[in-house]
Amino acid sequence: MKVPHVRRRWLRFAAPLAAVTVLLAGGGLAAIETETVGDYGDGVLWALSLMTTVGFVGGLPHTVAGKVIAAGLMLCGFGLLAMTTATVSSLFVREDEAPVEERERAFEVQVLQELRSLHARLDDLEKPER
């Protein structure tokens, strides 16, 4: 029985969600951080650099809202990087564990057969003699 790869399904949504987050945050930064961010394009570049954990491009945010957006982008970037790394790593681990899982399944089948055999023998012993 093959187990579906539920853990990797999130990857289909991660890239579009990250792109939308960068675009929205870029607009927010362009609107809020007028001293540091010149226009929407600069805001998107700034948001992308924060999301990819590169750092600030052109200077630090001056407003509290800009700092909050920057912190949120950094946390999202760290989380996305960690989850992507873990997902790719799990592909390699899964390949290595396949032979071990097969041996465990074969052992479980053998144990269940032995238990059924013992159960049948016990049933024979418990039957009243006729």
C-alpha atoms as a PDB file:
ATOM      1  CA  MET A   1       0.000   0.000   0.000  1.00  0.00           C
ATOM      2  CA  LYS A   2       1.554   3.282  -1.106  1.00  0.00           C
ATOM      3  CA  VAL A   3       1.094   6.351   1.102  1.00  0.00           C
ATOM      4  CA  PRO A   4       0.313   9.580  -0.795  1.00  0.00           C
ATOM      5  CA  HIS A   5       2.815  12.387  -0.419  1.00  0.00           C
ATOM      6  CA  VAL A   6       0.561  14.725   1.541  1.00  0.00           C
ATOM      7  CA  ARG A   7       3.500  16.692   2.939  1.00  0.00           C
ATOM      8  CA  ARG A   8       4.552  17.920  -0.485  1.00  0.00           C
ATOM      9  CA  ARG A   9       1.160  19.166  -1.665  1.00  0.00           C
ATOM     10  CA  TRP A  10       1.735  22.531  -0.036  1.00  0.00           C
ATOM     11  CA  LEU A  11       4.467  23.265  -2.597  1.00  0.00           C
ATOM     12  CA  ARG A  12       1.841  23.810  -5.289  1.00  0.00           C
ATOM     13  CA  PHE A  13       0.484  26.731  -3.328  1.00  0.00           C
ATOM     14  CA  ALA A  14       3.680  28.068  -1.766  1.00  0.00           C
ATOM     15  CA  ALA A  15       5.171  29.762  -4.833  1.00  0.00           C
ATOM     16  CA  PRO A  16       1.971  31.576  -5.912  1.00  0.00           C
ATOM     17  CA  LEU A  17       1.273  32.571  -2.304  1.00  0.00           C
ATOM     18  CA  ALA A  18       4.835  33.872  -1.908  1.00  0.00           C
ATOM     19  CA  ALA A  19       4.506  35.833  -5.167  1.00  0.00           C
ATOM     20  CA  VAL A  20       1.226  37.412  -4.052  1.00  0.00           C
ATOM     21  CA  THR A  21       2.758  38.229  -0.671  1.00  0.00           C
ATOM     22  CA  VAL A  22       5.720  39.952  -2.353  1.00  0.00           C
ATOM     23  CA  LEU A  23       3.458  41.939  -4.682  1.00  0.00           C
ATOM     24  CA  LEU A  24       1.120  43.060  -1.895  1.00  0.00           C
ATOM     25  CA  ALA A  25       3.951  43.852   0.495  1.00  0.00           C
ATOM     26  CA  GLY A  26       5.749  45.735  -2.274  1.00  0.00           C
ATOM     27  CA  GLY A  27       2.705  47.957  -2.686  1.00  0.00           C
ATOM     28  CA  GLY A  28       2.395  48.404   1.041  1.00  0.00           C
ATOM     29  CA  LEU A  29       6.043  49.315   1.414  1.00  0.00           C
ATOM     30  CA  ALA A  30       5.852  51.758  -1.511  1.00  0.00           C
ATOM     31  CA  ALA A  31       2.859  53.451   0.096  1.00  0.00           C
ATOM     32  CA  ILE A  32       4.223  53.521   3.650  1.00  0.00           C
ATOM     33  CA  GLU A  33       7.990  53.888   3.257  1.00  0.00           C
ATOM     34  CA  THR A  34       8.058  56.881   0.915  1.00  0.00           C
ATOM     35  CA  GLU A  35      11.477  58.023   2.192  1.00  0.00           C
ATOM     36  CA  THR A  36      13.164  54.674   1.513  1.00  0.00           C
ATOM     37  CA  VAL A  37      11.103  53.124  -1.284  1.00  0.00           C
ATOM     38  CA  GLY A  38      10.711  55.288  -4.390  1.00  0.00           C
ATOM     39  CA  ASP A  39       7.925  53.483  -6.268  1.00  0.00           C
ATOM     40  CA  TYR A  40       6.022  50.205  -6.561  1.00  0.00           C
ATOM     41  CA  GLY A  41       8.876  48.496  -8.435  1.00  0.00           C
ATOM     42  CA  ASP A  42      11.321  49.416  -5.691  1.00  0.00           C
ATOM     43  CA  GLY A  43       8.795  48.165  -3.118  1.00  0.00           C
ATOM     44  CA  VAL A  44       8.524  44.815  -4.866  1.00  0.00           C
ATOM     45  CA  LEU A  45      12.311  44.561  -5.086  1.00  0.00           C
ATOM     46  CA  TRP A  46      12.573  45.422  -1.409  1.00  0.00           C
ATOM     47  CA  ALA A  47       9.892  42.859  -0.484  1.00  0.00           C
ATOM     48  CA  LEU A  48      11.544  40.198  -2.622  1.00  0.00           C
ATOM     49  CA  SER A  49      14.941  40.836  -1.060  1.00  0.00           C
ATOM     50  CA  LEU A  50      13.421  40.503   2.408  1.00  0.00           C
ATOM     51  CA  MET A  51      11.466  37.385   1.497  1.00  0.00           C
ATOM     52  CA  THR A  52      14.568  35.690   0.083  1.00  0.00           C
ATOM     53  CA  THR A  53      16.506  36.582   3.259  1.00  0.00           C
ATOM     54  CA  VAL A  54      18.951  38.835   1.388  1.00  0.00           C
ATOM     55  CA  GLY A  55      18.166  41.825   3.590  1.00  0.00           C
ATOM     56  CA  PHE A  56      17.217  45.428   3.104  1.00  0.00           C
ATOM     57  CA  VAL A  57      17.850  47.101  -0.237  1.00  0.00           C
ATOM     58  CA  GLY A  58      18.555  50.809   0.074  1.00  0.00           C
ATOM     59  CA  GLY A  59      18.038  51.344   3.789  1.00  0.00           C
ATOM     60  CA  LEU A  60      16.012  50.443   6.839  1.00  0.00           C
ATOM     61  CA  PRO A  61      12.296  51.133   7.190  1.00  0.00           C
ATOM     62  CA  HIS A  62      11.413  54.332   9.060  1.00  0.00           C
ATOM     63  CA  THR A  63       7.803  53.656  10.031  1.00  0.00           C
ATOM     64  CA  VAL A  64       6.430  51.098  12.456  1.00  0.00           C
ATOM     65  CA  ALA A  65       4.171  49.681   9.738  1.00  0.00           C
ATOM     66  CA  GLY A  66       7.167  49.310   7.416  1.00  0.00           C
ATOM     67  CA  LYS A  67       9.098  47.495  10.133  1.00  0.00           C
ATOM     68  CA  VAL A  68       6.144  45.171  10.761  1.00  0.00           C
ATOM     69  CA  ILE A  69       5.820  44.383   7.043  1.00  0.00           C
ATOM     70  CA  ALA A  70       9.585  43.809   6.814  1.00  0.00           C
ATOM     71  CA  ALA A  71       9.547  41.490   9.828  1.00  0.00           C
ATOM     72  CA  GLY A  72       6.611  39.548   8.402  1.00  0.00           C
ATOM     73  CA  LEU A  73       8.396  39.141   5.080  1.00  0.00           C
ATOM     74  CA  MET A  74      11.538  37.911   6.816  1.00  0.00           C
ATOM     75  CA  LEU A  75       9.590  35.342   8.832  1.00  0.00           C
ATOM     76  CA  CYS A  76       7.708  34.171   5.736  1.00  0.00           C
ATOM     77  CA  GLY A  77      10.990  33.867   3.861  1.00  0.00           C
ATOM     78  CA  PHE A  78      12.638  31.853   6.634  1.00  0.00           C
ATOM     79  CA  GLY A  79       9.589  29.592   6.879  1.00  0.00           C
ATOM     80  CA  LEU A  80       9.389  29.066   3.127  1.00  0.00           C
ATOM     81  CA  LEU A  81      13.104  28.306   2.923  1.00  0.00           C
ATOM     82  CA  ALA A  82      12.922  25.851   5.823  1.00  0.00           C
ATOM     83  CA  MET A  83       9.862  24.040   4.472  1.00  0.00           C
ATOM     84  CA  THR A  84      11.306  23.793   0.971  1.00  0.00           C
ATOM     85  CA  THR A  85      14.598  22.440   2.308  1.00  0.00           C
ATOM     86  CA  ALA A  86      12.770  19.912   4.490  1.00  0.00           C
ATOM     87  CA  THR A  87      10.627  18.760   1.575  1.00  0.00           C
ATOM     88  CA  VAL A  88      13.602  18.238  -0.713  1.00  0.00           C
ATOM     89  CA  SER A  89      15.464  16.430   2.077  1.00  0.00           C
ATOM     90  CA  SER A  90      12.498  14.133   2.678  1.00  0.00           C
ATOM     91  CA  LEU A  91      12.731  12.963  -0.939  1.00  0.00           C
ATOM     92  CA  PHE A  92      16.228  11.616  -0.285  1.00  0.00           C
ATOM     93  CA  VAL A  93      15.332  10.112   3.085  1.00  0.00           C
ATOM     94  CA  ARG A  94      12.276   8.393   1.624  1.00  0.00           C
ATOM     95  CA  GLU A  95      14.398   6.707  -1.039  1.00  0.00           C
ATOM     96  CA  ASP A  96      16.815   5.451   1.610  1.00  0.00           C
ATOM     97  CA  GLU A  97      14.032   4.148   3.863  1.00  0.00           C
ATOM     98  CA  ALA A  98      12.183   2.157   1.183  1.00  0.00           C
ATOM     99  CA  PRO A  99      14.199  -1.092   1.632  1.00  0.00           C
ATOM    100  CA  VAL A 100      13.846  -0.865   5.410  1.00  0.00           C
ATOM    101  CA  GLU A 101      10.079  -0.387   5.138  1.00  0.00           C
ATOM    102  CA  GLU A 102       9.821  -3.425   2.859  1.00  0.00           C
ATOM    103  CA  ARG A 103      11.702  -5.585   5.382  1.00  0.00           C
ATOM    104  CA  GLU A 104       9.477  -4.310   8.198  1.00  0.00           C
ATOM    105  CA  ARG A 105       6.316  -5.116   6.211  1.00  0.00           C
ATOM    106  CA  ALA A 106       7.613  -8.628   5.461  1.00  0.00           C
ATOM    107  CA  PHE A 107       8.409  -9.128   9.161  1.00  0.00           C
ATOM    108  CA  GLU A 108       4.936  -7.933  10.157  1.00  0.00           C
ATOM    109  CA  VAL A 109       3.321 -10.401   7.740  1.00  0.00           C
ATOM    110  CA  GLN A 110       5.459 -13.206   9.143  1.00  0.00           C
ATOM    111  CA  VAL A 111       4.556 -12.292  12.735  1.00  0.00           C
ATOM    112  CA  LEU A 112       0.845 -12.146  11.910  1.00  0.00           C
ATOM    113  CA  GLN A 113       1.013 -15.578  10.260  1.00  0.00           C
ATOM    114  CA  GLU A 114       2.735 -17.006  13.310  1.00  0.00           C
ATOM    115  CA  LEU A 115       0.147 -15.445  15.625  1.00  0.00           C
ATOM    116  CA  ARG A 116      -2.665 -16.933  13.546  1.00  0.00           C
ATOM    117  CA  SER A 117      -0.971 -20.327  13.725  1.00  0.00           C
ATOM    118  CA  LEU A 118      -0.618 -20.068  17.511  1.00  0.00           C
ATOM    119  CA  HIS A 119      -4.238 -18.964  17.822  1.00  0.00           C
ATOM    120  CA  ALA A 120      -5.375 -21.983  15.828  1.00  0.00           C
ATOM    121  CA  ARG A 121      -3.290 -24.324  17.999  1.00  0.00           C
ATOM    122  CA  LEU A 122      -4.744 -22.780  21.162  1.00  0.00           C
ATOM    123  CA  ASP A 123      -8.248 -23.227  19.803  1.00  0.00           C
ATOM    124  CA  ASP A 124      -7.467 -26.911  19.178  1.00  0.00           C
ATOM    125  CA  LEU A 125      -6.167 -27.333  22.725  1.00  0.00           C
ATOM    126  CA  GLU A 126      -9.201 -25.643  24.269  1.00  0.00           C
ATOM    127  CA  LYS A 127     -11.741 -27.831  22.430  1.00  0.00           C
ATOM    128  CA  PRO A 128     -13.307 -30.378  24.757  1.00  0.00           C
ATOM    129  CA  GLU A 129     -12.255 -33.908  24.050  1.00  0.00           C
ATOM    130  CA  ARG A 130     -14.969 -36.076  22.568  1.00  0.00           C
END
